[in-house]
Amino acid sequence: MEGHPIEGLMKTAMESIKEMVDVNTIVGDAVETPDGSVIIPISKVGFGFASGGGEYEQMYKKGRDVNTLQNELPFAGGAGAGVSIQPVAFMVVGQGQIRLLPVNQNSMVERIIDLAPQIMTELQNMVNQITQKNSNKNQQGFNSEQSST
């Protein structure tokens, strides 16, 4: 005996989803810009699947053998699927750095995390400049004290 008709519906729907959704849907194909940077789109993919059916045996039970009914019962069924693709961010690789640019700029926390390395570099440069100035002032003061004695 062949498989139940619902199995065929489910298999067809799942194969269709498999064809639509692959890894390139989530992490898209890279695009190279004229300056040498590479932009990679990143998306969020969601999908749903439903399948169902029924046999209408009530119409055929009158005076028939149960074994022959199994092969004669009409089947009604259906299957459906839906896919949702939403762009999330773009990864930009180039000029010696990797940046993640979110599509939705509403999140302040994401923006701060993205800028954290740059902020730390700027703070370190400021501290180094202050330290260098203080070192130069101390060196000049020490030299002037030596020349006056």
N, C-alpha and C. Protein backbone atom coordinates (compact mmCIF):
# COMPACT_ATOMS: atom_id res chain seq x y z
N MET A 1 0.85 -1.19 0.00
CA MET A 1 0.00 0.00 0.00
C MET A 1 0.88 1.24 0.00
N GLU A 2 0.54 2.21 -0.81
CA GLU A 2 1.28 3.46 -0.88
C GLU A 2 1.08 4.24 0.41
N GLY A 3 1.89 5.29 0.57
CA GLY A 3 1.73 6.16 1.73
C GLY A 3 0.41 6.90 1.64
N HIS A 4 0.03 7.48 2.74
CA HIS A 4 -1.21 8.24 2.83
C HIS A 4 -1.08 9.50 1.97
N PRO A 5 -2.15 9.97 1.35
CA PRO A 5 -2.08 11.17 0.48
C PRO A 5 -1.53 12.40 1.20
N ILE A 6 -1.74 12.50 2.50
CA ILE A 6 -1.25 13.68 3.24
C ILE A 6 0.27 13.72 3.22
N GLU A 7 0.91 12.56 3.16
CA GLU A 7 2.37 12.51 3.10
C GLU A 7 2.88 13.18 1.83
N GLY A 8 2.20 12.95 0.73
CA GLY A 8 2.57 13.58 -0.53
C GLY A 8 2.41 15.09 -0.48
N LEU A 9 1.34 15.55 0.14
CA LEU A 9 1.13 17.00 0.29
C LEU A 9 2.23 17.62 1.12
N MET A 10 2.57 16.99 2.23
CA MET A 10 3.59 17.53 3.13
C MET A 10 4.96 17.54 2.44
N LYS A 11 5.27 16.46 1.73
CA LYS A 11 6.55 16.37 1.04
C LYS A 11 6.68 17.46 -0.01
N THR A 12 5.64 17.68 -0.79
CA THR A 12 5.67 18.71 -1.83
C THR A 12 5.85 20.09 -1.22
N ALA A 13 5.11 20.39 -0.15
CA ALA A 13 5.22 21.70 0.50
C ALA A 13 6.62 21.91 1.09
N MET A 14 7.17 20.90 1.76
CA MET A 14 8.49 21.03 2.36
C MET A 14 9.58 21.20 1.30
N GLU A 15 9.46 20.50 0.17
CA GLU A 15 10.43 20.66 -0.90
C GLU A 15 10.37 22.07 -1.50
N SER A 16 9.17 22.61 -1.59
CA SER A 16 9.02 23.97 -2.11
C SER A 16 9.67 24.98 -1.17
N ILE A 17 9.48 24.80 0.14
CA ILE A 17 10.12 25.69 1.12
C ILE A 17 11.63 25.57 1.02
N LYS A 18 12.13 24.35 0.90
CA LYS A 18 13.57 24.12 0.81
C LYS A 18 14.17 24.84 -0.40
N GLU A 19 13.45 24.87 -1.52
CA GLU A 19 13.92 25.57 -2.70
C GLU A 19 13.95 27.08 -2.49
N MET A 20 12.98 27.61 -1.75
CA MET A 20 12.89 29.05 -1.54
C MET A 20 13.91 29.56 -0.54
N VAL A 21 14.14 28.82 0.54
CA VAL A 21 14.99 29.29 1.63
C VAL A 21 16.29 28.50 1.62
N ASP A 22 17.39 29.20 1.35
CA ASP A 22 18.70 28.59 1.47
C ASP A 22 19.61 29.55 2.23
N VAL A 23 20.86 29.18 2.41
CA VAL A 23 21.77 30.01 3.20
C VAL A 23 21.96 31.39 2.57
N ASN A 24 21.88 31.50 1.25
CA ASN A 24 22.05 32.80 0.60
C ASN A 24 20.88 33.74 0.86
N THR A 25 19.78 33.22 1.37
CA THR A 25 18.66 34.08 1.73
C THR A 25 18.98 34.81 3.03
N ILE A 26 19.64 34.14 3.96
CA ILE A 26 19.95 34.73 5.26
C ILE A 26 21.20 35.62 5.16
N VAL A 27 22.29 35.06 4.70
CA VAL A 27 23.51 35.82 4.46
C VAL A 27 23.62 35.94 2.95
N GLY A 28 23.30 37.12 2.44
CA GLY A 28 23.21 37.31 1.00
C GLY A 28 24.54 37.30 0.28
N ASP A 29 24.47 37.39 -1.02
CA ASP A 29 25.68 37.43 -1.86
C ASP A 29 26.42 38.73 -1.62
N ALA A 30 27.74 38.64 -1.52
CA ALA A 30 28.57 39.82 -1.29
C ALA A 30 28.61 40.70 -2.53
N VAL A 31 28.65 42.01 -2.29
CA VAL A 31 28.73 43.00 -3.37
C VAL A 31 29.98 43.83 -3.14
N GLU A 32 30.85 43.92 -4.15
CA GLU A 32 32.07 44.71 -4.02
C GLU A 32 31.84 46.11 -4.58
N THR A 33 32.24 47.12 -3.81
CA THR A 33 32.09 48.51 -4.24
C THR A 33 33.35 48.96 -4.97
N PRO A 34 33.29 50.10 -5.68
CA PRO A 34 34.47 50.58 -6.42
C PRO A 34 35.69 50.86 -5.54
N ASP A 35 35.47 51.23 -4.25
CA ASP A 35 36.61 51.51 -3.37
C ASP A 35 37.21 50.24 -2.76
N GLY A 36 36.69 49.07 -3.11
CA GLY A 36 37.24 47.80 -2.62
C GLY A 36 36.52 47.23 -1.41
N SER A 37 35.59 47.97 -0.84
CA SER A 37 34.83 47.45 0.30
C SER A 37 33.86 46.37 -0.19
N VAL A 38 33.54 45.46 0.71
CA VAL A 38 32.60 44.39 0.40
C VAL A 38 31.39 44.55 1.32
N ILE A 39 30.20 44.53 0.75
CA ILE A 39 28.96 44.68 1.51
C ILE A 39 28.21 43.35 1.44
N ILE A 40 27.86 42.84 2.63
CA ILE A 40 27.15 41.56 2.73
C ILE A 40 25.82 41.80 3.43
N PRO A 41 24.69 41.59 2.74
CA PRO A 41 23.39 41.77 3.38
C PRO A 41 23.06 40.58 4.30
N ILE A 42 22.43 40.89 5.43
CA ILE A 42 22.02 39.86 6.38
C ILE A 42 20.52 40.04 6.64
N SER A 43 19.76 38.95 6.52
CA SER A 43 18.31 39.01 6.66
C SER A 43 17.82 38.01 7.69
N LYS A 44 16.63 38.29 8.19
CA LYS A 44 15.96 37.36 9.09
C LYS A 44 14.88 36.67 8.29
N VAL A 45 14.85 35.33 8.35
CA VAL A 45 13.89 34.56 7.58
C VAL A 45 12.99 33.79 8.54
N GLY A 46 11.70 33.89 8.31
CA GLY A 46 10.74 33.11 9.08
C GLY A 46 9.81 32.39 8.12
N PHE A 47 9.42 31.19 8.48
CA PHE A 47 8.49 30.49 7.62
C PHE A 47 7.57 29.62 8.45
N GLY A 48 6.40 29.37 7.88
CA GLY A 48 5.41 28.53 8.52
C GLY A 48 4.88 27.50 7.54
N PHE A 49 4.36 26.45 8.07
CA PHE A 49 3.92 25.35 7.24
C PHE A 49 2.68 24.73 7.89
N ALA A 50 1.68 24.43 7.09
CA ALA A 50 0.47 23.77 7.59
C ALA A 50 0.00 22.74 6.57
N SER A 51 -0.52 21.65 7.06
CA SER A 51 -1.03 20.60 6.18
C SER A 51 -2.16 19.89 6.90
N GLY A 52 -3.15 19.47 6.16
CA GLY A 52 -4.26 18.76 6.79
C GLY A 52 -5.15 18.10 5.75
N GLY A 53 -5.99 17.24 6.22
CA GLY A 53 -6.88 16.55 5.30
C GLY A 53 -7.84 15.65 6.05
N GLY A 54 -8.71 15.02 5.30
CA GLY A 54 -9.68 14.12 5.92
C GLY A 54 -10.25 13.16 4.89
N GLU A 55 -10.75 12.04 5.40
CA GLU A 55 -11.39 11.04 4.55
C GLU A 55 -12.89 11.09 4.82
N TYR A 56 -13.65 10.97 3.79
CA TYR A 56 -15.10 11.08 3.91
C TYR A 56 -15.73 9.69 3.84
N GLU A 57 -15.61 8.94 4.92
CA GLU A 57 -16.09 7.56 4.93
C GLU A 57 -17.57 7.44 5.25
N GLN A 58 -18.18 8.44 5.79
CA GLN A 58 -19.59 8.35 6.16
C GLN A 58 -20.48 8.04 4.96
N MET A 59 -20.14 8.58 3.79
CA MET A 59 -20.95 8.38 2.60
C MET A 59 -20.85 6.95 2.06
N TYR A 60 -19.78 6.26 2.34
CA TYR A 60 -19.52 4.97 1.70
C TYR A 60 -19.73 3.76 2.61
N LYS A 61 -20.09 3.93 3.84
CA LYS A 61 -20.18 2.81 4.77
C LYS A 61 -21.40 1.92 4.53
N LYS A 62 -22.36 2.36 3.84
CA LYS A 62 -23.60 1.60 3.70
C LYS A 62 -23.36 0.29 2.96
N GLY A 63 -23.39 -0.83 3.66
CA GLY A 63 -23.32 -2.15 3.07
C GLY A 63 -22.01 -2.52 2.41
N ARG A 64 -20.92 -1.87 2.71
CA ARG A 64 -19.64 -2.21 2.07
C ARG A 64 -18.70 -2.87 3.08
N ASP A 65 -17.79 -3.66 2.57
CA ASP A 65 -16.78 -4.33 3.39
C ASP A 65 -15.73 -3.30 3.82
N VAL A 66 -15.28 -3.39 5.06
CA VAL A 66 -14.31 -2.43 5.58
C VAL A 66 -13.00 -2.49 4.81
N ASN A 67 -12.57 -3.66 4.37
CA ASN A 67 -11.30 -3.79 3.63
C ASN A 67 -11.36 -3.09 2.28
N THR A 68 -12.47 -3.18 1.59
CA THR A 68 -12.56 -2.50 0.30
C THR A 68 -12.77 -1.00 0.48
N LEU A 69 -13.35 -0.62 1.62
CA LEU A 69 -13.53 0.82 1.89
C LEU A 69 -12.20 1.55 1.99
N GLN A 70 -11.19 0.90 2.56
CA GLN A 70 -9.90 1.53 2.78
C GLN A 70 -9.32 2.07 1.47
N ASN A 71 -9.50 1.35 0.38
CA ASN A 71 -8.96 1.78 -0.91
C ASN A 71 -9.89 2.73 -1.66
N GLU A 72 -11.14 2.79 -1.30
CA GLU A 72 -12.10 3.59 -2.05
C GLU A 72 -12.43 4.93 -1.41
N LEU A 73 -12.07 5.15 -0.15
CA LEU A 73 -12.46 6.38 0.54
C LEU A 73 -11.85 7.59 -0.13
N PRO A 74 -12.67 8.58 -0.43
CA PRO A 74 -12.12 9.80 -1.02
C PRO A 74 -11.35 10.60 0.02
N PHE A 75 -10.31 11.25 -0.40
CA PHE A 75 -9.47 12.05 0.49
C PHE A 75 -9.52 13.50 0.03
N ALA A 76 -9.67 14.41 0.98
CA ALA A 76 -9.61 15.84 0.70
C ALA A 76 -8.55 16.43 1.61
N GLY A 77 -7.65 17.19 1.05
CA GLY A 77 -6.58 17.74 1.86
C GLY A 77 -5.98 18.96 1.22
N GLY A 78 -5.13 19.57 1.98
CA GLY A 78 -4.45 20.76 1.47
C GLY A 78 -3.20 21.04 2.28
N ALA A 79 -2.30 21.81 1.72
CA ALA A 79 -1.07 22.21 2.40
C ALA A 79 -0.75 23.63 1.99
N GLY A 80 -0.09 24.31 2.87
CA GLY A 80 0.29 25.69 2.56
C GLY A 80 1.53 26.08 3.33
N ALA A 81 2.21 27.08 2.84
CA ALA A 81 3.41 27.56 3.49
C ALA A 81 3.55 29.05 3.23
N GLY A 82 4.23 29.71 4.12
CA GLY A 82 4.50 31.13 3.95
C GLY A 82 5.92 31.44 4.38
N VAL A 83 6.55 32.40 3.72
CA VAL A 83 7.92 32.78 4.02
C VAL A 83 7.96 34.29 4.20
N SER A 84 8.67 34.73 5.23
CA SER A 84 8.86 36.15 5.49
C SER A 84 10.35 36.44 5.52
N ILE A 85 10.80 37.40 4.73
CA ILE A 85 12.21 37.79 4.70
C ILE A 85 12.29 39.26 5.07
N GLN A 86 13.10 39.56 6.11
CA GLN A 86 13.23 40.92 6.59
C GLN A 86 14.71 41.29 6.67
N PRO A 87 15.15 42.35 5.98
CA PRO A 87 16.55 42.75 6.10
C PRO A 87 16.85 43.22 7.52
N VAL A 88 17.99 42.80 8.04
CA VAL A 88 18.36 43.13 9.42
C VAL A 88 19.55 44.09 9.45
N ALA A 89 20.59 43.78 8.66
CA ALA A 89 21.81 44.59 8.72
C ALA A 89 22.63 44.37 7.45
N PHE A 90 23.66 45.19 7.33
CA PHE A 90 24.65 45.04 6.28
C PHE A 90 26.02 44.99 6.94
N MET A 91 26.80 43.97 6.59
CA MET A 91 28.17 43.88 7.09
C MET A 91 29.07 44.50 6.03
N VAL A 92 29.86 45.49 6.44
CA VAL A 92 30.75 46.19 5.52
C VAL A 92 32.19 45.84 5.91
N VAL A 93 32.92 45.23 4.97
CA VAL A 93 34.30 44.82 5.20
C VAL A 93 35.17 45.63 4.25
N GLY A 94 36.09 46.40 4.82
CA GLY A 94 36.98 47.19 3.97
C GLY A 94 37.71 48.22 4.77
N GLN A 95 38.76 48.76 4.20
CA GLN A 95 39.58 49.80 4.81
C GLN A 95 40.10 49.36 6.18
N GLY A 96 40.44 48.08 6.28
CA GLY A 96 41.03 47.56 7.51
C GLY A 96 40.07 47.38 8.67
N GLN A 97 38.78 47.39 8.42
CA GLN A 97 37.82 47.22 9.51
C GLN A 97 36.57 46.49 9.03
N ILE A 98 35.84 45.97 10.00
CA ILE A 98 34.56 45.31 9.73
C ILE A 98 33.51 46.04 10.54
N ARG A 99 32.44 46.46 9.87
CA ARG A 99 31.36 47.18 10.57
C ARG A 99 30.03 46.50 10.27
N LEU A 100 29.18 46.49 11.27
CA LEU A 100 27.82 45.97 11.10
C LEU A 100 26.88 47.15 11.15
N LEU A 101 26.20 47.42 10.05
CA LEU A 101 25.28 48.56 9.97
C LEU A 101 23.85 48.04 10.03
N PRO A 102 23.20 48.20 11.19
CA PRO A 102 21.82 47.71 11.29
C PRO A 102 20.88 48.54 10.43
N VAL A 103 19.87 47.89 9.88
CA VAL A 103 18.88 48.58 9.05
C VAL A 103 18.02 49.47 9.92
N ASN A 104 17.64 48.99 11.10
CA ASN A 104 16.81 49.74 12.02
C ASN A 104 17.71 50.49 12.99
N GLN A 105 17.82 51.80 12.83
CA GLN A 105 18.71 52.61 13.66
C GLN A 105 18.05 53.08 14.95
N ASN A 106 16.91 52.50 15.34
CA ASN A 106 16.20 52.95 16.53
C ASN A 106 16.91 52.54 17.82
N SER A 107 17.73 51.52 17.78
CA SER A 107 18.35 51.01 18.98
C SER A 107 19.64 51.77 19.30
N MET A 108 19.61 52.55 20.35
CA MET A 108 20.78 53.32 20.78
C MET A 108 21.89 52.39 21.28
N VAL A 109 21.51 51.30 21.94
CA VAL A 109 22.49 50.37 22.48
C VAL A 109 23.30 49.75 21.35
N GLU A 110 22.65 49.35 20.26
CA GLU A 110 23.37 48.78 19.12
C GLU A 110 24.36 49.78 18.55
N ARG A 111 23.96 51.02 18.47
CA ARG A 111 24.83 52.06 17.92
C ARG A 111 26.05 52.28 18.84
N ILE A 112 25.84 52.27 20.14
CA ILE A 112 26.95 52.45 21.09
C ILE A 112 27.92 51.29 20.99
N ILE A 113 27.39 50.07 20.90
CA ILE A 113 28.25 48.89 20.77
C ILE A 113 29.06 48.97 19.48
N ASP A 114 28.44 49.44 18.42
CA ASP A 114 29.13 49.56 17.14
C ASP A 114 30.25 50.60 17.21
N LEU A 115 30.04 51.68 17.98
CA LEU A 115 31.03 52.75 18.07
C LEU A 115 32.04 52.55 19.20
N ALA A 116 31.87 51.55 20.05
CA ALA A 116 32.73 51.36 21.22
C ALA A 116 34.22 51.28 20.87
N PRO A 117 34.63 50.51 19.87
CA PRO A 117 36.08 50.48 19.57
C PRO A 117 36.63 51.85 19.16
N GLN A 118 35.86 52.60 18.40
CA GLN A 118 36.30 53.93 17.97
C GLN A 118 36.39 54.88 19.17
N ILE A 119 35.43 54.81 20.07
CA ILE A 119 35.45 55.66 21.28
C ILE A 119 36.65 55.33 22.14
N MET A 120 36.94 54.03 22.32
CA MET A 120 38.09 53.63 23.13
C MET A 120 39.40 54.13 22.53
N THR A 121 39.52 54.09 21.22
CA THR A 121 40.73 54.57 20.55
C THR A 121 40.90 56.07 20.76
N GLU A 122 39.80 56.81 20.64
CA GLU A 122 39.85 58.26 20.84
C GLU A 122 40.23 58.60 22.28
N LEU A 123 39.65 57.89 23.24
CA LEU A 123 39.99 58.14 24.65
C LEU A 123 41.46 57.83 24.92
N GLN A 124 41.96 56.76 24.36
CA GLN A 124 43.36 56.40 24.56
C GLN A 124 44.27 57.45 23.95
N ASN A 125 43.92 57.97 22.78
CA ASN A 125 44.71 59.04 22.16
C ASN A 125 44.71 60.30 23.02
N MET A 126 43.57 60.66 23.61
CA MET A 126 43.48 61.84 24.47
C MET A 126 44.36 61.67 25.71
N VAL A 127 44.30 60.50 26.33
CA VAL A 127 45.12 60.24 27.52
C VAL A 127 46.60 60.29 27.16
N ASN A 128 46.98 59.74 26.03
CA ASN A 128 48.38 59.78 25.60
C ASN A 128 48.85 61.21 25.36
N GLN A 129 48.00 62.05 24.76
CA GLN A 129 48.36 63.45 24.52
C GLN A 129 48.55 64.20 25.83
N ILE A 130 47.65 63.99 26.78
CA ILE A 130 47.76 64.66 28.09
C ILE A 130 49.03 64.20 28.80
N THR A 131 49.29 62.91 28.77
CA THR A 131 50.50 62.38 29.41
C THR A 131 51.75 62.95 28.75
N GLN A 132 51.73 63.06 27.42
CA GLN A 132 52.88 63.61 26.69
C GLN A 132 53.10 65.07 27.05
N LYS A 133 52.03 65.87 27.15
CA LYS A 133 52.14 67.29 27.52
C LYS A 133 52.70 67.44 28.92
N ASN A 134 52.18 66.64 29.86
CA ASN A 134 52.67 66.71 31.25
C ASN A 134 54.14 66.30 31.32
N SER A 135 54.51 65.30 30.54
CA SER A 135 55.90 64.86 30.52
C SER A 135 56.80 65.95 29.97
N ASN A 136 56.34 66.63 28.91
CA ASN A 136 57.12 67.73 28.33
C ASN A 136 57.25 68.90 29.30
N LYS A 137 56.19 69.24 30.02
CA LYS A 137 56.23 70.34 31.00
C LYS A 137 57.19 70.01 32.13
N ASN A 138 57.11 68.77 32.62
CA ASN A 138 58.01 68.35 33.70
C ASN A 138 59.46 68.38 33.22
N GLN A 139 59.70 67.97 32.00
CA GLN A 139 61.06 67.96 31.43
C GLN A 139 61.58 69.38 31.30
N GLN A 140 60.72 70.32 30.85
CA GLN A 140 61.13 71.72 30.69
C GLN A 140 61.40 72.34 32.06
N GLY A 141 60.54 72.03 33.03
CA GLY A 141 60.74 72.56 34.38
C GLY A 141 62.02 72.04 34.99
N PHE A 142 62.34 70.81 34.79
CA PHE A 142 63.56 70.22 35.33
C PHE A 142 64.79 70.85 34.68
N ASN A 143 64.71 71.08 33.35
CA ASN A 143 65.84 71.71 32.63
C ASN A 143 66.04 73.15 33.07
N SER A 144 64.98 73.91 33.33
CA SER A 144 65.12 75.30 33.74
C SER A 144 65.67 75.38 35.17
N GLU A 145 65.32 74.43 36.04
CA GLU A 145 65.86 74.42 37.40
C GLU A 145 67.36 74.12 37.35
N GLN A 146 67.80 73.24 36.47
CA GLN A 146 69.20 72.90 36.36
C GLN A 146 70.00 74.09 35.84
N SER A 147 69.47 74.82 34.89
CA SER A 147 70.22 75.93 34.31
C SER A 147 70.33 77.10 35.28
N SER A 148 69.39 77.28 36.21
CA SER A 148 69.43 78.38 37.14
C SER A 148 70.36 78.10 38.31
N THR A 149 70.72 76.88 38.57
CA THR A 149 71.60 76.59 39.69
C THR A 149 73.05 76.63 39.35
